Amino acid sequence: MSPTYSPLLEAQRILQYLCQQAGALGLPESLQDVAAQVKFVSDYDHVYFPIPFKETETAAALKAVEGSVACLLADLKQGKQERVLSVSLEKTTNFLFQAYLATVDGLGKLEPAVKSKLKDTDYLRAQSDPYRRMSANLYETKRAGEFYHIHGSLEASTTLNMLGLESFRPDLNEHGKIVSVIEPAVRKFTIEQLEELNARNKQAGVPVLRHEDFLKTPHGVSSVNSPTWSVTSLETSTPPVLLPPSSSSRSRILEGIKVLELCRIIAGPTIGRILAEYGANVLKVTGPGLSDVPFFQVDGNMGKHATEIDLKSVQGKEIFERLLEDVDIVLDGYRPGALDKLGYSAKALAKFAEKRGKGVVYVNENCFGYAGEWANRPGWQQIADCVSGLAWAQGRFLGLDEPVVPPFPISDYGTGCIGAITALTGLYNRATKGGSWHGKASLLQYDLLLFKAGQYSREVQKQLQAPCSAAFLSMRHDRSVDDISRSALAMVQMDHPELFQDSNFETWYSEGYGADVRVVKPVVDISGIEIGFQRGSRPNGTDEASWDFSNDGDFRR
């Protein structure tokens, strides 16, 4: 790497930038004093990803903010102490693609045999059917050089049908043949026509924009100057709530804190995973028959219990509301307004908190943010990366005049870290000021933070491009995110074996899977504080809808 560029120093610079925004971000006033003592550590000081953005450095700065708020919570629980807070760049890098590093019974995400180890929650075959899987992909439109990312989410048929395509094509199972059917269907439409179809059918597609063009859209104008995240008051009538005392000499900051996680896929579950690392009891709630990507549960459900509740039934609502009586944090990662319709919006739960006399922290995570014309649109990580300009920048990095989706779900993990920061900040505010608090995080705002942090210099980008494999350099706009990630993973494994050392991972026997689960360790290290999991992972719907977390059957290897 260029002798003039240091990821360690850049992580420190980005942390200072975030601290300067502390007021707008709703962070505690005393955070800057703690953050000033953060130590970024690395044995190598390398840039690891074949990407033009400072992903590791930005995420390390966010992890430093996360750890700083955790230190403030520890001070409330234990009394103010001198603490050493360190953030490893290697562990941060692994955090950003940890789904591709996790294994169950020794098998990873990209190995076909792993399917036999998983609970099949791909009920609508949106992931397991190759043709339906490509209903979520980037294609060229009617006007040459203009692109659109269609996204069938976890259902696929609606997007395929609106393009005039069949829901199922069992004869198509090769990438090239699938693209030769779907892309011509997309090319029948302009971006404007696809936008109209998407809106009419409530699908999650977007035009693939260059960053400078995104900034000219009404949503870009309203988003670019909005804070990267926010934590605001929901009600002020409930009294301060101290953190529960620790049950043993082991100091776990969030021990006794109860979290209800209503999220799927990566960003939302990452919030709950991080809170579990700090000791919270996290109960992931999904509905019977609700589709979810099976392998993402291996990593995303670490440290949690996972139950099913039908929130549309009277009995299900009764069960859920019994859980709400003791809840401290609620995580909402569904489409904007979905939980509102069921009666569980942030405002509704603030009123519930007033009645019980104990505040609640409510965290929303979505794609487009919470202001602007697209605020209520559904979306996923690739959607944010395409509309914000990341995909065009990745294409340019590869020497192309077309967009390419970046490898790995990096924006998901960065957004998950932001959501965890808002949850920890809400808890701190509840403990010091009382009331209920509302945290908001979005994939788009994480991507905009990357642009604000700046891309690597031309010199650094050239050094990153030089060792890229022919397979990676051959990627084009229509390649799937798994194809792109598979190629990138092979390069990272070859060039940076330090990331794959056993010391960066931990292994649990999971009773839910009936096998060992190996996952990336937590990133943040705080002296005198235990940060780590108390249980392994499990598939959705494994556990009872209860706050009794005493019988897991899991143990650490």
Protein backbone atom coordinates (compact mmCIF):
# COMPACT_ATOMS: atom_id res chain seq x y z
CA MET A 1 0.00 0.00 0.00
CA SER A 2 1.11 3.56 -0.63
CA PRO A 3 3.56 4.72 2.05
CA THR A 4 1.62 7.98 2.21
CA TYR A 5 -1.71 6.31 3.10
CA SER A 6 -2.54 4.71 6.45
CA PRO A 7 -5.96 3.13 7.13
CA LEU A 8 -5.26 3.57 10.85
CA LEU A 9 -4.86 7.33 10.49
CA GLU A 10 -7.86 7.55 8.17
CA ALA A 11 -10.07 5.70 10.66
CA GLN A 12 -9.02 8.25 13.26
CA ARG A 13 -9.88 11.12 10.91
CA ILE A 14 -13.34 9.74 10.18
CA LEU A 15 -13.95 9.24 13.90
CA GLN A 16 -13.08 12.90 14.48
CA TYR A 17 -15.52 13.88 11.72
CA LEU A 18 -18.31 11.89 13.40
CA CYS A 19 -17.53 13.42 16.78
CA GLN A 20 -17.83 16.87 15.25
CA GLN A 21 -21.38 15.88 14.21
CA ALA A 22 -22.22 14.59 17.71
CA GLY A 23 -25.00 17.10 18.35
CA ALA A 24 -26.80 16.40 15.07
CA LEU A 25 -26.37 12.66 15.62
CA GLY A 26 -27.94 12.80 19.08
CA LEU A 27 -24.82 11.44 20.78
CA PRO A 28 -24.12 12.07 24.49
CA GLU A 29 -22.17 15.27 25.16
CA SER A 30 -19.43 13.38 26.99
CA LEU A 31 -18.82 10.97 24.10
CA GLN A 32 -16.02 13.03 22.59
CA ASP A 33 -13.93 12.66 25.76
CA VAL A 34 -14.17 8.87 25.53
CA ALA A 35 -13.70 8.74 21.75
CA ALA A 36 -10.51 10.79 22.06
CA GLN A 37 -8.95 7.83 23.90
CA VAL A 38 -9.87 5.18 21.30
CA LYS A 39 -6.99 3.07 20.01
CA PHE A 40 -7.22 1.79 16.46
CA VAL A 41 -4.96 -1.23 16.12
CA SER A 42 -3.65 -3.25 13.20
CA ASP A 43 -0.69 -5.53 12.65
CA TYR A 44 -0.74 -4.76 8.93
CA ASP A 45 -2.41 -1.35 8.23
CA HIS A 46 -3.71 -2.72 4.92
CA VAL A 47 -6.64 -1.93 2.67
CA TYR A 48 -8.39 -5.25 2.20
CA PHE A 49 -11.38 -4.91 -0.11
CA PRO A 50 -11.17 -4.42 -3.92
CA ILE A 51 -13.49 -1.43 -3.60
CA PRO A 52 -12.83 2.31 -4.12
CA PHE A 53 -14.45 3.31 -0.80
CA LYS A 54 -12.93 3.40 2.68
CA GLU A 55 -15.15 0.65 4.02
CA THR A 56 -12.89 -0.69 6.77
CA GLU A 57 -11.84 2.76 7.93
CA THR A 58 -15.43 4.07 8.04
CA ALA A 59 -16.74 1.00 9.84
CA ALA A 60 -13.84 1.14 12.33
CA ALA A 61 -14.79 4.74 13.13
CA LEU A 62 -18.41 3.67 13.64
CA LYS A 63 -17.27 0.81 15.87
CA ALA A 64 -15.29 3.34 17.88
CA VAL A 65 -18.45 5.40 18.39
CA GLU A 66 -20.34 2.23 19.34
CA GLY A 67 -17.67 1.32 21.89
CA SER A 68 -17.54 4.86 23.26
CA VAL A 69 -21.29 4.85 24.03
CA ALA A 70 -20.85 1.40 25.57
CA CYS A 71 -18.14 2.86 27.84
CA LEU A 72 -20.52 5.61 28.96
CA LEU A 73 -23.11 2.96 29.81
CA ALA A 74 -20.45 1.02 31.73
CA ASP A 75 -19.67 4.17 33.72
CA LEU A 76 -23.33 4.43 34.70
CA LYS A 77 -23.32 0.80 35.81
CA GLN A 78 -19.91 0.56 37.51
CA GLY A 79 -18.88 4.13 38.21
CA LYS A 80 -16.51 6.15 36.09
CA GLN A 81 -13.27 4.33 35.39
CA GLU A 82 -10.27 4.54 33.13
CA ARG A 83 -10.91 2.11 30.30
CA VAL A 84 -8.85 1.10 27.28
CA LEU A 85 -11.08 0.92 24.18
CA SER A 86 -9.48 -0.61 21.09
CA VAL A 87 -10.83 -1.31 17.61
CA SER A 88 -9.00 -3.75 15.33
CA LEU A 89 -8.98 -3.02 11.61
CA GLU A 90 -8.69 -6.75 10.86
CA LYS A 91 -11.71 -7.61 13.02
CA THR A 92 -13.61 -4.68 11.51
CA THR A 93 -12.89 -5.97 8.01
CA ASN A 94 -14.17 -9.42 8.95
CA PHE A 95 -17.28 -7.84 10.47
CA LEU A 96 -18.11 -6.31 7.08
CA PHE A 97 -18.39 -9.65 5.28
CA GLN A 98 -18.98 -11.99 8.18
CA ALA A 99 -21.85 -13.87 6.51
CA TYR A 100 -19.29 -15.16 3.98
CA LEU A 101 -16.97 -16.24 6.82
CA ALA A 102 -19.50 -18.02 9.03
CA THR A 103 -19.88 -21.80 8.83
CA VAL A 104 -22.32 -24.40 10.13
CA ASP A 105 -20.84 -27.88 10.54
CA GLY A 106 -17.81 -26.59 8.63
CA LEU A 107 -19.78 -25.43 5.58
CA GLY A 108 -19.99 -21.83 4.38
CA LYS A 109 -22.56 -19.79 2.50
CA LEU A 110 -21.24 -20.54 -0.99
CA GLU A 111 -21.04 -24.33 -0.55
CA PRO A 112 -24.11 -26.14 -1.97
CA ALA A 113 -23.95 -28.88 0.70
CA VAL A 114 -24.71 -26.34 3.43
CA LYS A 115 -28.40 -26.34 2.44
CA SER A 116 -28.79 -29.73 4.13
CA LYS A 117 -27.76 -28.14 7.45
CA LEU A 118 -30.30 -25.29 7.34
CA LYS A 119 -33.97 -24.88 8.10
CA ASP A 120 -35.66 -24.08 4.79
CA THR A 121 -37.27 -20.68 5.33
CA ASP A 122 -37.10 -19.76 1.64
CA TYR A 123 -40.79 -20.58 1.44
CA LEU A 124 -41.34 -18.88 -1.92
CA ARG A 125 -38.09 -20.14 -3.52
CA ALA A 126 -36.83 -16.61 -4.13
CA GLN A 127 -33.30 -17.70 -3.15
CA SER A 128 -33.07 -21.40 -3.94
CA ASP A 129 -34.43 -21.18 -7.50
CA PRO A 130 -31.68 -19.66 -9.72
CA TYR A 131 -34.16 -18.05 -12.13
CA ARG A 132 -36.24 -16.48 -9.35
CA ARG A 133 -33.04 -15.42 -7.54
CA MET A 134 -32.15 -13.27 -10.54
CA SER A 135 -35.36 -11.27 -10.11
CA ALA A 136 -33.09 -9.29 -7.79
CA ASN A 137 -30.35 -8.08 -10.10
CA LEU A 138 -29.01 -5.20 -12.17
CA TYR A 139 -29.94 -4.96 -15.88
CA GLU A 140 -29.67 -2.52 -18.79
CA THR A 141 -32.88 -0.72 -19.80
CA LYS A 142 -34.39 0.36 -23.13
CA ARG A 143 -31.99 3.29 -23.43
CA ALA A 144 -28.43 2.03 -23.86
CA GLY A 145 -26.16 2.95 -20.97
CA GLU A 146 -29.04 3.33 -18.49
CA PHE A 147 -29.54 0.64 -15.89
CA TYR A 148 -32.15 -0.49 -13.38
CA HIS A 149 -31.91 -2.82 -10.40
CA ILE A 150 -35.08 -4.85 -10.20
CA HIS A 151 -35.70 -6.56 -6.87
CA GLY A 152 -38.24 -9.29 -6.27
CA SER A 153 -37.33 -9.33 -2.57
CA LEU A 154 -38.31 -12.66 -0.99
CA GLU A 155 -41.25 -13.31 -3.30
CA ALA A 156 -39.97 -12.87 -6.92
CA SER A 157 -43.20 -13.57 -8.82
CA THR A 158 -44.55 -10.01 -8.74
CA THR A 159 -41.41 -8.50 -10.25
CA LEU A 160 -41.09 -11.23 -12.88
CA ASN A 161 -44.77 -11.00 -13.84
CA MET A 162 -44.74 -7.21 -14.14
CA LEU A 163 -41.99 -7.64 -16.75
CA GLY A 164 -44.11 -10.13 -18.66
CA LEU A 165 -42.12 -13.13 -17.44
CA GLU A 166 -43.25 -16.42 -15.96
CA SER A 167 -43.02 -16.96 -12.21
CA PHE A 168 -41.07 -20.19 -12.62
CA ARG A 169 -38.71 -21.46 -15.32
CA PRO A 170 -37.34 -24.81 -14.11
CA ASP A 171 -35.53 -25.18 -17.43
CA LEU A 172 -33.30 -22.19 -16.60
CA ASN A 173 -30.54 -22.82 -14.08
CA GLU A 174 -27.43 -21.28 -15.66
CA HIS A 175 -26.54 -17.63 -15.14
CA GLY A 176 -26.03 -16.74 -18.79
CA LYS A 177 -29.27 -18.35 -19.90
CA ILE A 178 -31.23 -16.67 -17.13
CA VAL A 179 -29.83 -13.25 -18.02
CA SER A 180 -30.63 -13.87 -21.68
CA VAL A 181 -34.30 -14.15 -20.68
CA ILE A 182 -34.63 -11.48 -17.98
CA GLU A 183 -32.47 -8.67 -19.40
CA PRO A 184 -34.33 -8.49 -22.76
CA ALA A 185 -37.56 -8.18 -20.75
CA VAL A 186 -36.10 -5.28 -18.77
CA ARG A 187 -34.79 -3.69 -21.98
CA LYS A 188 -38.37 -3.28 -23.21
CA PHE A 189 -38.82 -0.48 -20.67
CA THR A 190 -37.27 2.88 -19.93
CA ILE A 191 -36.27 3.81 -16.40
CA GLU A 192 -39.40 5.97 -16.14
CA GLN A 193 -41.63 3.07 -17.19
CA LEU A 194 -39.92 0.72 -14.75
CA GLU A 195 -40.39 3.25 -11.97
CA GLU A 196 -44.10 3.39 -12.74
CA LEU A 197 -44.37 -0.41 -12.81
CA ASN A 198 -42.44 -0.67 -9.56
CA ALA A 199 -44.64 1.87 -7.81
CA ARG A 200 -47.83 0.23 -9.04
CA ASN A 201 -46.68 -3.21 -7.89
CA LYS A 202 -44.97 -1.99 -4.67
CA GLN A 203 -41.62 -3.51 -5.60
CA ALA A 204 -38.16 -2.53 -4.44
CA GLY A 205 -36.35 -1.62 -7.66
CA VAL A 206 -34.44 1.60 -8.42
CA PRO A 207 -32.65 3.36 -11.26
CA VAL A 208 -28.89 2.91 -11.03
CA LEU A 209 -27.58 6.45 -10.67
CA ARG A 210 -24.18 8.08 -10.68
CA HIS A 211 -23.62 9.86 -7.39
CA GLU A 212 -23.70 13.30 -8.99
CA ASP A 213 -27.05 12.44 -10.57
CA PHE A 214 -28.48 11.10 -7.33
CA LEU A 215 -27.63 14.39 -5.63
CA LYS A 216 -29.78 16.21 -8.19
CA THR A 217 -32.89 14.17 -7.40
CA PRO A 218 -35.35 15.60 -4.85
CA HIS A 219 -34.52 12.73 -2.51
CA GLY A 220 -30.81 13.31 -2.95
CA VAL A 221 -31.23 16.99 -2.15
CA SER A 222 -33.16 16.18 1.04
CA SER A 223 -30.82 13.35 2.09
CA VAL A 224 -27.31 14.65 1.56
CA ASN A 225 -27.44 17.17 4.40
CA SER A 226 -29.43 14.96 6.78
CA PRO A 227 -27.50 13.43 9.70
CA THR A 228 -26.09 9.94 9.20
CA TRP A 229 -28.39 8.77 11.98
CA SER A 230 -30.62 10.33 14.63
CA VAL A 231 -31.79 9.68 18.18
CA THR A 232 -34.78 11.76 19.25
CA SER A 233 -37.25 11.87 22.13
CA LEU A 234 -40.58 10.02 21.89
CA GLU A 235 -41.94 10.96 25.32
CA THR A 236 -40.59 12.63 28.44
CA SER A 237 -42.98 11.56 31.21
CA THR A 238 -41.34 8.29 32.29
CA PRO A 239 -38.52 8.41 34.88
CA PRO A 240 -34.89 7.43 34.33
CA VAL A 241 -34.25 3.67 34.24
CA LEU A 242 -30.95 2.40 35.61
CA LEU A 243 -29.22 -0.49 33.87
CA PRO A 244 -29.88 -3.83 35.58
CA PRO A 245 -27.12 -4.94 37.97
CA SER A 246 -24.77 -7.71 36.90
CA SER A 247 -25.53 -11.15 38.30
CA SER A 248 -21.87 -12.09 38.75
CA SER A 249 -18.38 -10.64 38.85
CA ARG A 250 -18.32 -10.76 35.04
CA SER A 251 -19.20 -7.30 33.77
CA ARG A 252 -21.60 -7.40 30.82
CA ILE A 253 -22.89 -3.94 30.04
CA LEU A 254 -26.35 -4.92 28.78
CA GLU A 255 -26.99 -7.87 31.07
CA GLY A 256 -30.72 -7.95 31.86
CA ILE A 257 -31.66 -5.69 28.95
CA LYS A 258 -34.48 -7.20 26.86
CA VAL A 259 -34.59 -6.66 23.09
CA LEU A 260 -37.37 -7.59 20.67
CA GLU A 261 -35.97 -7.86 17.15
CA LEU A 262 -38.48 -7.66 14.31
CA CYS A 263 -36.09 -7.77 11.36
CA ARG A 264 -34.97 -9.99 8.49
CA ILE A 265 -31.85 -10.48 6.36
CA ILE A 266 -28.71 -8.57 7.44
CA ALA A 267 -28.80 -4.93 8.58
CA GLY A 268 -31.58 -5.24 11.16
CA PRO A 269 -30.40 -8.57 12.63
CA THR A 270 -26.88 -7.12 12.87
CA ILE A 271 -28.21 -4.53 15.31
CA GLY A 272 -29.54 -7.30 17.54
CA ARG A 273 -26.36 -9.35 17.13
CA ILE A 274 -24.25 -6.44 18.38
CA LEU A 275 -26.55 -5.84 21.37
CA ALA A 276 -26.22 -9.56 22.19
CA GLU A 277 -22.43 -9.15 22.17
CA TYR A 278 -22.81 -6.62 25.00
CA GLY A 279 -24.97 -9.04 27.02
CA ALA A 280 -28.57 -8.22 26.07
CA ASN A 281 -31.25 -10.90 25.85
CA VAL A 282 -32.32 -10.57 22.22
CA LEU A 283 -35.50 -12.33 21.07
CA LYS A 284 -35.89 -12.39 17.30
CA VAL A 285 -39.55 -12.51 16.27
CA THR A 286 -40.69 -13.72 12.86
CA GLY A 287 -44.10 -14.86 11.68
CA PRO A 288 -45.18 -18.39 10.71
CA GLY A 289 -44.44 -18.94 7.04
CA LEU A 290 -42.56 -15.64 6.72
CA SER A 291 -39.70 -16.09 4.26
CA ASP A 292 -36.14 -15.38 5.32
CA VAL A 293 -32.76 -16.26 3.77
CA PRO A 294 -31.75 -19.51 5.54
CA PHE A 295 -27.97 -19.06 5.67
CA PHE A 296 -28.04 -15.47 6.91
CA GLN A 297 -29.62 -16.79 10.10
CA VAL A 298 -26.44 -18.73 10.92
CA ASP A 299 -24.50 -15.55 11.55
CA GLY A 300 -27.35 -13.09 12.12
CA ASN A 301 -29.04 -15.08 14.90
CA MET A 302 -25.86 -15.46 16.97
CA GLY A 303 -26.41 -14.85 20.67
CA LYS A 304 -30.21 -14.70 20.38
CA HIS A 305 -33.35 -16.70 20.88
CA ALA A 306 -35.62 -16.91 17.86
CA THR A 307 -39.39 -17.36 18.00
CA GLU A 308 -42.46 -17.15 15.78
CA ILE A 309 -45.54 -15.07 16.59
CA ASP A 310 -48.49 -14.36 14.33
CA LEU A 311 -48.96 -10.64 14.94
CA LYS A 312 -52.09 -10.64 12.78
CA SER A 313 -53.93 -12.98 15.15
CA VAL A 314 -55.58 -12.12 18.47
CA GLN A 315 -53.60 -14.80 20.28
CA GLY A 316 -50.35 -13.65 18.70
CA LYS A 317 -50.95 -10.05 19.72
CA GLU A 318 -51.62 -11.18 23.29
CA ILE A 319 -48.34 -13.09 23.39
CA PHE A 320 -46.42 -10.20 21.86
CA GLU A 321 -47.89 -7.64 24.22
CA ARG A 322 -46.91 -9.77 27.23
CA LEU A 323 -43.34 -9.57 25.94
CA LEU A 324 -43.71 -5.81 25.52
CA GLU A 325 -44.47 -5.44 29.23
CA ASP A 326 -40.78 -6.02 30.02
CA VAL A 327 -39.06 -4.92 26.81
CA ASP A 328 -36.30 -2.28 26.80
CA ILE A 329 -35.49 -2.05 23.07
CA VAL A 330 -37.58 -2.78 19.98
CA LEU A 331 -35.86 -3.18 16.59
CA ASP A 332 -38.00 -2.60 13.49
CA GLY A 333 -36.39 -3.52 10.18
CA TYR A 334 -39.51 -4.08 8.07
CA ARG A 335 -40.91 -1.99 5.25
CA PRO A 336 -41.78 1.53 6.42
CA GLY A 337 -45.22 1.47 8.02
CA ALA A 338 -45.56 -2.35 8.22
CA LEU A 339 -45.52 -2.51 12.04
CA ASP A 340 -47.53 0.72 12.25
CA LYS A 341 -50.44 -1.10 10.57
CA LEU A 342 -50.26 -3.77 13.25
CA GLY A 343 -50.38 -1.18 16.02
CA TYR A 344 -46.70 -1.31 17.01
CA SER A 345 -45.23 1.93 15.68
CA ALA A 346 -42.69 3.95 17.65
CA LYS A 347 -45.41 6.37 18.78
CA ALA A 348 -47.72 3.53 19.82
CA LEU A 349 -45.02 1.88 21.91
CA ALA A 350 -44.12 5.23 23.49
CA LYS A 351 -47.74 5.47 24.68
CA PHE A 352 -47.47 1.88 25.92
CA ALA A 353 -44.31 2.86 27.80
CA GLU A 354 -46.07 5.80 29.43
CA LYS A 355 -48.80 3.49 30.70
CA ARG A 356 -46.34 1.04 32.22
CA GLY A 357 -44.20 3.88 33.63
CA LYS A 358 -40.96 2.75 31.97
CA GLY A 359 -39.52 4.18 28.77
CA VAL A 360 -38.67 2.19 25.67
CA VAL A 361 -36.00 2.56 22.98
CA TYR A 362 -37.36 2.05 19.46
CA VAL A 363 -34.95 1.66 16.54
CA ASN A 364 -36.05 1.86 12.91
CA GLU A 365 -33.76 0.59 10.16
CA ASN A 366 -34.75 1.07 6.52
CA CYS A 367 -33.32 1.67 3.05
CA PHE A 368 -33.94 5.28 2.04
CA GLY A 369 -33.98 7.21 5.32
CA TYR A 370 -36.84 9.06 6.98
CA ALA A 371 -37.29 12.23 4.95
CA GLY A 372 -37.76 12.91 1.27
CA GLU A 373 -39.97 11.55 -1.50
CA TRP A 374 -38.54 8.01 -1.34
CA ALA A 375 -38.72 7.62 2.44
CA ASN A 376 -41.53 5.08 2.26
CA ARG A 377 -40.07 2.98 -0.57
CA PRO A 378 -38.99 -0.56 0.26
CA GLY A 379 -35.38 -1.46 -0.36
CA TRP A 380 -32.37 -3.62 0.37
CA GLN A 381 -28.60 -3.18 0.42
CA GLN A 382 -28.14 -3.48 -3.35
CA ILE A 383 -30.93 -0.94 -3.86
CA ALA A 384 -29.15 1.66 -1.72
CA ASP A 385 -25.79 0.91 -3.36
CA CYS A 386 -27.28 1.34 -6.83
CA VAL A 387 -29.28 4.51 -6.28
CA SER A 388 -26.60 6.31 -4.24
CA GLY A 389 -23.83 5.87 -6.82
CA LEU A 390 -21.75 3.10 -5.20
CA ALA A 391 -22.42 0.70 -8.08
CA TRP A 392 -21.29 3.18 -10.75
CA ALA A 393 -18.16 3.92 -8.70
CA GLN A 394 -17.44 0.18 -8.44
CA GLY A 395 -17.79 -0.15 -12.20
CA ARG A 396 -15.35 2.72 -12.75
CA PHE A 397 -12.94 1.07 -10.29
CA LEU A 398 -13.01 -1.99 -12.58
CA GLY A 399 -12.29 0.20 -15.60
CA LEU A 400 -15.83 -0.07 -16.97
CA ASP A 401 -18.42 2.35 -18.29
CA GLU A 402 -21.22 0.51 -16.52
CA PRO A 403 -22.27 -0.07 -12.91
CA VAL A 404 -21.36 -3.19 -10.94
CA VAL A 405 -22.79 -4.06 -7.54
CA PRO A 406 -19.98 -4.02 -4.93
CA PRO A 407 -18.99 -7.39 -3.43
CA PHE A 408 -20.38 -8.50 -0.06
CA PRO A 409 -23.26 -6.94 1.91
CA ILE A 410 -20.93 -4.34 3.42
CA SER A 411 -23.50 -1.54 3.58
CA ASP A 412 -25.79 -3.87 5.55
CA TYR A 413 -23.19 -4.38 8.26
CA GLY A 414 -22.25 -0.70 8.44
CA THR A 415 -25.91 0.18 8.81
CA GLY A 416 -26.31 -2.48 11.49
CA CYS A 417 -23.51 -0.85 13.46
CA ILE A 418 -25.23 2.53 13.13
CA GLY A 419 -28.49 1.02 14.39
CA ALA A 420 -26.66 -0.42 17.40
CA ILE A 421 -25.20 3.03 18.15
CA THR A 422 -28.70 4.52 18.20
CA ALA A 423 -29.95 1.73 20.50
CA LEU A 424 -27.06 2.21 22.94
CA THR A 425 -27.53 5.98 22.86
CA GLY A 426 -31.25 5.58 23.52
CA LEU A 427 -30.47 3.41 26.55
CA TYR A 428 -28.01 6.00 27.82
CA ASN A 429 -30.57 8.76 27.43
CA ARG A 430 -33.24 6.69 29.16
CA ALA A 431 -30.88 6.05 32.07
CA THR A 432 -29.77 9.69 32.44
CA LYS A 433 -32.84 11.66 31.34
CA GLY A 434 -35.74 9.24 31.40
CA GLY A 435 -38.35 9.04 28.66
CA SER A 436 -38.55 6.96 25.50
CA TRP A 437 -36.19 7.36 22.55
CA HIS A 438 -36.32 6.80 18.80
CA GLY A 439 -33.23 5.76 16.84
CA LYS A 440 -33.21 5.87 13.04
CA ALA A 441 -30.67 4.26 10.71
CA SER A 442 -30.72 3.68 6.96
CA LEU A 443 -28.67 1.98 4.27
CA LEU A 444 -28.68 5.10 2.13
CA GLN A 445 -27.24 7.29 4.87
CA TYR A 446 -24.45 4.77 5.45
CA ASP A 447 -23.62 4.95 1.74
CA LEU A 448 -23.66 8.75 1.86
CA LEU A 449 -21.22 8.60 4.78
CA LEU A 450 -18.86 6.63 2.52
CA PHE A 451 -19.01 9.40 -0.07
CA LYS A 452 -18.40 12.02 2.63
CA ALA A 453 -15.39 10.03 3.85
CA GLY A 454 -14.08 10.13 0.27
CA GLN A 455 -12.85 7.48 -2.13
CA TYR A 456 -9.29 6.24 -2.17
CA SER A 457 -6.81 8.28 -4.15
CA ARG A 458 -6.03 7.23 -7.72
CA GLU A 459 -2.68 5.88 -6.53
CA VAL A 460 -4.25 3.68 -3.84
CA GLN A 461 -6.94 2.46 -6.24
CA LYS A 462 -4.29 1.43 -8.76
CA GLN A 463 -2.50 -0.54 -6.06
CA LEU A 464 -5.76 -2.27 -5.18
CA GLN A 465 -6.49 -3.06 -8.83
CA ALA A 466 -3.07 -4.54 -9.57
CA PRO A 467 -3.53 -7.90 -7.79
CA CYS A 468 -7.19 -8.33 -8.85
CA SER A 469 -7.85 -11.69 -10.47
CA ALA A 470 -9.01 -12.04 -14.04
CA ALA A 471 -12.25 -13.51 -12.72
CA PHE A 472 -12.95 -10.41 -10.61
CA LEU A 473 -12.00 -8.01 -13.38
CA SER A 474 -14.39 -9.83 -15.72
CA MET A 475 -17.42 -8.93 -13.62
CA ARG A 476 -20.11 -6.92 -15.41
CA HIS A 477 -23.38 -5.26 -14.49
CA ASP A 478 -25.48 -8.41 -14.84
CA ARG A 479 -23.41 -10.63 -12.53
CA SER A 480 -25.11 -11.64 -9.30
CA VAL A 481 -23.89 -10.36 -5.96
CA ASP A 482 -22.92 -13.94 -5.01
CA ASP A 483 -20.80 -14.32 -8.17
CA ILE A 484 -19.06 -11.01 -7.49
CA SER A 485 -18.58 -11.86 -3.81
CA ARG A 486 -17.30 -15.37 -4.54
CA SER A 487 -14.61 -13.92 -6.79
CA ALA A 488 -13.68 -11.22 -4.27
CA LEU A 489 -13.57 -13.75 -1.42
CA ALA A 490 -11.09 -15.93 -3.31
CA MET A 491 -8.78 -12.92 -3.78
CA VAL A 492 -9.00 -11.82 -0.15
CA GLN A 493 -8.28 -15.36 1.03
CA MET A 494 -5.18 -15.53 -1.15
CA ASP A 495 -3.83 -12.05 -0.49
CA HIS A 496 -4.72 -11.60 3.19
CA PRO A 497 -4.53 -14.89 5.13
CA GLU A 498 -4.24 -12.85 8.33
CA LEU A 499 -7.99 -12.22 8.22
CA PHE A 500 -8.72 -15.95 8.39
CA GLN A 501 -6.66 -16.86 11.46
CA ASP A 502 -8.50 -18.92 14.06
CA SER A 503 -7.99 -16.18 16.65
CA ASN A 504 -10.49 -13.99 14.75
CA PHE A 505 -13.31 -16.55 15.13
CA GLU A 506 -15.21 -18.40 17.82
CA THR A 507 -17.07 -21.70 17.65
CA TRP A 508 -20.25 -22.73 19.47
CA TYR A 509 -22.16 -25.96 19.48
CA SER A 510 -25.68 -24.94 18.47
CA GLU A 511 -28.50 -27.18 19.64
CA GLY A 512 -30.76 -25.42 17.14
CA TYR A 513 -28.61 -26.56 14.23
CA GLY A 514 -27.35 -29.73 15.89
CA ALA A 515 -23.85 -28.77 14.77
CA ASP A 516 -20.95 -26.42 15.42
CA VAL A 517 -21.36 -22.84 14.25
CA ARG A 518 -18.24 -20.75 13.61
CA VAL A 519 -18.55 -16.96 13.45
CA VAL A 520 -16.52 -13.77 13.50
CA LYS A 521 -15.69 -12.46 16.97
CA PRO A 522 -16.91 -9.04 18.18
CA VAL A 523 -14.83 -6.09 17.00
CA VAL A 524 -14.74 -3.79 20.02
CA ASP A 525 -12.51 -4.55 23.00
CA ILE A 526 -12.93 -2.63 26.29
CA SER A 527 -10.72 -3.37 29.29
CA GLY A 528 -12.66 -4.72 32.27
CA ILE A 529 -15.76 -5.41 30.16
CA GLU A 530 -16.84 -8.80 28.87
CA ILE A 531 -17.97 -8.56 25.25
CA GLY A 532 -19.05 -11.78 23.59
CA PHE A 533 -21.88 -14.20 23.05
CA GLN A 534 -23.69 -16.19 25.72
CA ARG A 535 -25.16 -18.71 23.30
CA GLY A 536 -24.79 -19.94 19.75
CA SER A 537 -27.08 -19.44 16.79
CA ARG A 538 -30.36 -21.06 15.86
CA PRO A 539 -32.82 -21.05 12.97
CA ASN A 540 -35.88 -18.84 13.08
CA GLY A 541 -38.72 -20.17 15.21
CA THR A 542 -36.58 -22.42 17.43
CA ASP A 543 -37.55 -20.98 20.82
CA GLU A 544 -40.61 -20.20 22.91
CA ALA A 545 -41.93 -16.64 22.94
CA SER A 546 -40.51 -15.99 26.40
CA TRP A 547 -37.89 -13.94 28.21
CA ASP A 548 -36.62 -17.14 29.86
CA PHE A 549 -33.18 -17.56 28.27
CA SER A 550 -31.88 -20.12 30.75
CA ASN A 551 -32.09 -23.32 28.68
CA ASP A 552 -30.13 -23.06 25.44
CA GLY A 553 -28.33 -26.37 25.14
CA ASP A 554 -25.51 -24.40 23.47
CA PHE A 555 -21.90 -24.29 24.62
CA ARG A 556 -18.71 -22.68 23.44
CA ARG A 557 -16.01 -24.92 22.04
